[in-house]
Amino acid sequence: MRVLAVSNFLLSICSHAWLVLTFKHRGEGLSTLSAGARLALVILAGVIIGLCTYFAPGDGRATAALMAVVHFGIFSALMGHGEDGAPRQAMFAVLMVVTEPLGLSFRWAPGLYFMDQILTVWVLVAGVTFIMRSADKSPSR
């Protein structure tokens, strides 16, 4: 039963990330996540960010991994603050869970390092678009 729940959770993460990355998500479903599920998602994203940064090519990877996790934690807390923070925080964690391993594979693939930079810009634009759309939908606005 737990395997089914975990697989459904991961499938849901991937489907939400795909909708955000294709500019089709408007916040549906992410606001209904329980606080525990959102916390698990944020912790999972932090672990993935730390591992992907640690295993990326370059010097000072241990320090970079620690700094990446700290920055993610701070930014995630800021995103989650406020009345409409839960879906923003969940969206941010969902994007990191899906795109960090992809970015790591681009960094290690010969000749594809530039793709990681393109992915970073794409994720930033998709995230901002999601935030703007979900803010427009908010009942408090």
C-alpha atoms as a PDB file:
ATOM      1  CA  MET A   1       0.000   0.000   0.000  1.00  0.00           C
ATOM      2  CA  ARG A   2       2.849   2.409   0.823  1.00  0.00           C
ATOM      3  CA  VAL A   3       4.491   1.724  -2.537  1.00  0.00           C
ATOM      4  CA  LEU A   4       1.290   2.738  -4.291  1.00  0.00           C
ATOM      5  CA  ALA A   5       1.038   5.920  -2.210  1.00  0.00           C
ATOM      6  CA  VAL A   6       4.661   6.852  -2.937  1.00  0.00           C
ATOM      7  CA  SER A   7       4.277   6.136  -6.652  1.00  0.00           C
ATOM      8  CA  ASN A   8       1.083   8.237  -6.781  1.00  0.00           C
ATOM      9  CA  PHE A   9       2.905  11.045  -4.943  1.00  0.00           C
ATOM     10  CA  LEU A  10       5.804  10.965  -7.432  1.00  0.00           C
ATOM     11  CA  LEU A  11       3.425  10.782 -10.399  1.00  0.00           C
ATOM     12  CA  SER A  12       1.551  13.782  -9.049  1.00  0.00           C
ATOM     13  CA  ILE A  13       4.829  15.701  -8.655  1.00  0.00           C
ATOM     14  CA  CYS A  14       5.777  14.983 -12.262  1.00  0.00           C
ATOM     15  CA  SER A  15       2.362  15.938 -13.632  1.00  0.00           C
ATOM     16  CA  HIS A  16       2.288  19.223 -11.697  1.00  0.00           C
ATOM     17  CA  ALA A  17       5.843  20.031 -12.811  1.00  0.00           C
ATOM     18  CA  TRP A  18       4.958  19.326 -16.434  1.00  0.00           C
ATOM     19  CA  LEU A  19       1.936  21.622 -16.232  1.00  0.00           C
ATOM     20  CA  VAL A  20       4.019  24.410 -14.660  1.00  0.00           C
ATOM     21  CA  LEU A  21       6.849  23.997 -17.180  1.00  0.00           C
ATOM     22  CA  THR A  22       4.408  24.088 -20.101  1.00  0.00           C
ATOM     23  CA  PHE A  23       2.707  27.209 -18.673  1.00  0.00           C
ATOM     24  CA  LYS A  24      -0.642  25.414 -18.196  1.00  0.00           C
ATOM     25  CA  HIS A  25      -0.837  25.217 -14.385  1.00  0.00           C
ATOM     26  CA  ARG A  26      -2.939  27.770 -12.552  1.00  0.00           C
ATOM     27  CA  GLY A  27      -2.562  26.523  -8.988  1.00  0.00           C
ATOM     28  CA  GLU A  28      -5.221  23.814  -8.934  1.00  0.00           C
ATOM     29  CA  GLY A  29      -4.436  20.995  -6.541  1.00  0.00           C
ATOM     30  CA  LEU A  30      -1.319  22.424  -4.937  1.00  0.00           C
ATOM     31  CA  SER A  31      -3.339  24.392  -2.396  1.00  0.00           C
ATOM     32  CA  THR A  32      -5.072  21.202  -1.247  1.00  0.00           C
ATOM     33  CA  LEU A  33      -1.835  19.528  -0.164  1.00  0.00           C
ATOM     34  CA  SER A  34      -1.784  18.819   3.538  1.00  0.00           C
ATOM     35  CA  ALA A  35       0.893  20.533   5.608  1.00  0.00           C
ATOM     36  CA  GLY A  36       2.595  17.158   6.103  1.00  0.00           C
ATOM     37  CA  ALA A  37       2.670  16.361   2.389  1.00  0.00           C
ATOM     38  CA  ARG A  38       3.997  19.840   1.617  1.00  0.00           C
ATOM     39  CA  LEU A  39       6.697  19.443   4.279  1.00  0.00           C
ATOM     40  CA  ALA A  40       7.664  16.047   2.830  1.00  0.00           C
ATOM     41  CA  LEU A  41       7.855  17.628  -0.618  1.00  0.00           C
ATOM     42  CA  VAL A  42      10.061  20.478   0.628  1.00  0.00           C
ATOM     43  CA  ILE A  43      12.359  18.035   2.449  1.00  0.00           C
ATOM     44  CA  LEU A  44      12.574  15.838  -0.660  1.00  0.00           C
ATOM     45  CA  ALA A  45      13.436  18.887  -2.760  1.00  0.00           C
ATOM     46  CA  GLY A  46      16.116  19.947  -0.268  1.00  0.00           C
ATOM     47  CA  VAL A  47      17.711  16.498  -0.338  1.00  0.00           C
ATOM     48  CA  ILE A  48      17.635  16.383  -4.145  1.00  0.00           C
ATOM     49  CA  ILE A  49      19.115  19.886  -4.407  1.00  0.00           C
ATOM     50  CA  GLY A  50      21.894  18.969  -1.990  1.00  0.00           C
ATOM     51  CA  LEU A  51      22.727  15.732  -3.800  1.00  0.00           C
ATOM     52  CA  CYS A  52      22.584  17.261  -7.274  1.00  0.00           C
ATOM     53  CA  THR A  53      24.816  20.142  -6.215  1.00  0.00           C
ATOM     54  CA  TYR A  54      27.251  17.789  -4.493  1.00  0.00           C
ATOM     55  CA  PHE A  55      27.531  15.528  -7.534  1.00  0.00           C
ATOM     56  CA  ALA A  56      27.832  18.384 -10.033  1.00  0.00           C
ATOM     57  CA  PRO A  57      31.236  18.871 -11.636  1.00  0.00           C
ATOM     58  CA  GLY A  58      33.457  21.499 -10.031  1.00  0.00           C
ATOM     59  CA  ASP A  59      35.432  22.408  -6.928  1.00  0.00           C
ATOM     60  CA  GLY A  60      34.055  23.060  -3.458  1.00  0.00           C
ATOM     61  CA  ARG A  61      31.053  20.831  -3.997  1.00  0.00           C
ATOM     62  CA  ALA A  62      30.433  20.082  -0.316  1.00  0.00           C
ATOM     63  CA  THR A  63      30.267  23.772   0.560  1.00  0.00           C
ATOM     64  CA  ALA A  64      28.192  24.514  -2.532  1.00  0.00           C
ATOM     65  CA  ALA A  65      25.738  21.734  -1.626  1.00  0.00           C
ATOM     66  CA  LEU A  66      25.328  23.070   1.904  1.00  0.00           C
ATOM     67  CA  MET A  67      24.818  26.617   0.639  1.00  0.00           C
ATOM     68  CA  ALA A  68      22.313  25.439  -1.988  1.00  0.00           C
ATOM     69  CA  VAL A  69      20.226  23.650   0.641  1.00  0.00           C
ATOM     70  CA  VAL A  70      20.351  26.657   3.008  1.00  0.00           C
ATOM     71  CA  HIS A  71      19.327  29.035   0.220  1.00  0.00           C
ATOM     72  CA  PHE A  72      16.542  26.676  -0.847  1.00  0.00           C
ATOM     73  CA  GLY A  73      15.279  26.493   2.728  1.00  0.00           C
ATOM     74  CA  ILE A  74      15.245  30.272   3.126  1.00  0.00           C
ATOM     75  CA  PHE A  75      13.617  30.883  -0.253  1.00  0.00           C
ATOM     76  CA  SER A  76      11.088  28.107   0.325  1.00  0.00           C
ATOM     77  CA  ALA A  77      10.146  29.597   3.693  1.00  0.00           C
ATOM     78  CA  LEU A  78       9.694  33.012   2.071  1.00  0.00           C
ATOM     79  CA  MET A  79       7.596  31.508  -0.729  1.00  0.00           C
ATOM     80  CA  GLY A  80       5.417  29.697   1.817  1.00  0.00           C
ATOM     81  CA  HIS A  81       4.767  32.818   3.882  1.00  0.00           C
ATOM     82  CA  GLY A  82       1.406  34.480   3.696  1.00  0.00           C
ATOM     83  CA  GLU A  83      -2.160  33.530   2.977  1.00  0.00           C
ATOM     84  CA  ASP A  84      -1.469  32.200  -0.533  1.00  0.00           C
ATOM     85  CA  GLY A  85       1.966  30.767   0.256  1.00  0.00           C
ATOM     86  CA  ALA A  86       1.173  27.043   0.323  1.00  0.00           C
ATOM     87  CA  PRO A  87       0.687  26.571  -3.452  1.00  0.00           C
ATOM     88  CA  ARG A  88       3.729  28.748  -4.231  1.00  0.00           C
ATOM     89  CA  GLN A  89       5.909  26.771  -1.845  1.00  0.00           C
ATOM     90  CA  ALA A  90       4.634  23.471  -3.251  1.00  0.00           C
ATOM     91  CA  MET A  91       5.204  24.653  -6.835  1.00  0.00           C
ATOM     92  CA  PHE A  92       8.767  25.702  -6.026  1.00  0.00           C
ATOM     93  CA  ALA A  93       9.526  22.334  -4.422  1.00  0.00           C
ATOM     94  CA  VAL A  94       7.884  20.424  -7.292  1.00  0.00           C
ATOM     95  CA  LEU A  95       9.980  22.264  -9.870  1.00  0.00           C
ATOM     96  CA  MET A  96      13.191  21.595  -7.940  1.00  0.00           C
ATOM     97  CA  VAL A  97      12.432  17.887  -7.500  1.00  0.00           C
ATOM     98  CA  VAL A  98      11.958  17.443 -11.248  1.00  0.00           C
ATOM     99  CA  THR A  99      14.437  19.890 -12.775  1.00  0.00           C
ATOM    100  CA  GLU A 100      17.509  19.543 -10.529  1.00  0.00           C
ATOM    101  CA  PRO A 101      18.316  15.965 -11.645  1.00  0.00           C
ATOM    102  CA  LEU A 102      17.732  17.022 -15.259  1.00  0.00           C
ATOM    103  CA  GLY A 103      20.101  19.969 -14.838  1.00  0.00           C
ATOM    104  CA  LEU A 104      22.710  17.662 -13.287  1.00  0.00           C
ATOM    105  CA  SER A 105      22.533  15.336 -16.279  1.00  0.00           C
ATOM    106  CA  PHE A 106      23.053  18.327 -18.593  1.00  0.00           C
ATOM    107  CA  ARG A 107      26.105  19.417 -16.585  1.00  0.00           C
ATOM    108  CA  TRP A 108      27.712  15.990 -16.873  1.00  0.00           C
ATOM    109  CA  ALA A 109      26.839  15.369 -20.542  1.00  0.00           C
ATOM    110  CA  PRO A 110      29.622  16.411 -22.910  1.00  0.00           C
ATOM    111  CA  GLY A 111      28.715  19.581 -24.777  1.00  0.00           C
ATOM    112  CA  LEU A 112      25.364  20.118 -23.046  1.00  0.00           C
ATOM    113  CA  TYR A 113      26.405  22.403 -20.176  1.00  0.00           C
ATOM    114  CA  PHE A 114      24.610  25.329 -21.846  1.00  0.00           C
ATOM    115  CA  MET A 115      21.338  23.362 -21.636  1.00  0.00           C
ATOM    116  CA  ASP A 116      21.469  23.661 -17.844  1.00  0.00           C
ATOM    117  CA  GLN A 117      21.500  27.444 -18.207  1.00  0.00           C
ATOM    118  CA  ILE A 118      18.571  27.314 -20.639  1.00  0.00           C
ATOM    119  CA  LEU A 119      16.675  25.038 -18.228  1.00  0.00           C
ATOM    120  CA  THR A 120      17.342  27.480 -15.376  1.00  0.00           C
ATOM    121  CA  VAL A 121      15.851  30.394 -17.331  1.00  0.00           C
ATOM    122  CA  TRP A 122      12.881  28.265 -18.427  1.00  0.00           C
ATOM    123  CA  VAL A 123      12.164  27.187 -14.828  1.00  0.00           C
ATOM    124  CA  LEU A 124      12.425  30.790 -13.626  1.00  0.00           C
ATOM    125  CA  VAL A 125       9.994  32.076 -16.269  1.00  0.00           C
ATOM    126  CA  ALA A 126       7.572  29.177 -15.676  1.00  0.00           C
ATOM    127  CA  GLY A 127       7.678  29.731 -11.917  1.00  0.00           C
ATOM    128  CA  VAL A 128       7.021  33.461 -12.202  1.00  0.00           C
ATOM    129  CA  THR A 129       4.187  32.792 -14.665  1.00  0.00           C
ATOM    130  CA  PHE A 130       2.654  30.292 -12.235  1.00  0.00           C
ATOM    131  CA  ILE A 131       2.890  32.771  -9.349  1.00  0.00           C
ATOM    132  CA  MET A 132       1.270  35.530 -11.396  1.00  0.00           C
ATOM    133  CA  ARG A 133      -1.563  33.267 -12.586  1.00  0.00           C
ATOM    134  CA  SER A 134      -2.256  31.817  -9.156  1.00  0.00           C
ATOM    135  CA  ALA A 135      -2.200  35.322  -7.629  1.00  0.00           C
ATOM    136  CA  ASP A 136      -4.792  36.451 -10.187  1.00  0.00           C
ATOM    137  CA  LYS A 137      -7.015  33.507  -9.159  1.00  0.00           C
ATOM    138  CA  SER A 138      -6.696  34.168  -5.457  1.00  0.00           C
ATOM    139  CA  PRO A 139     -10.005  35.013  -3.747  1.00  0.00           C
ATOM    140  CA  SER A 140      -8.265  37.658  -1.614  1.00  0.00           C
ATOM    141  CA  ARG A 141      -7.419  39.758  -4.692  1.00  0.00           C
END
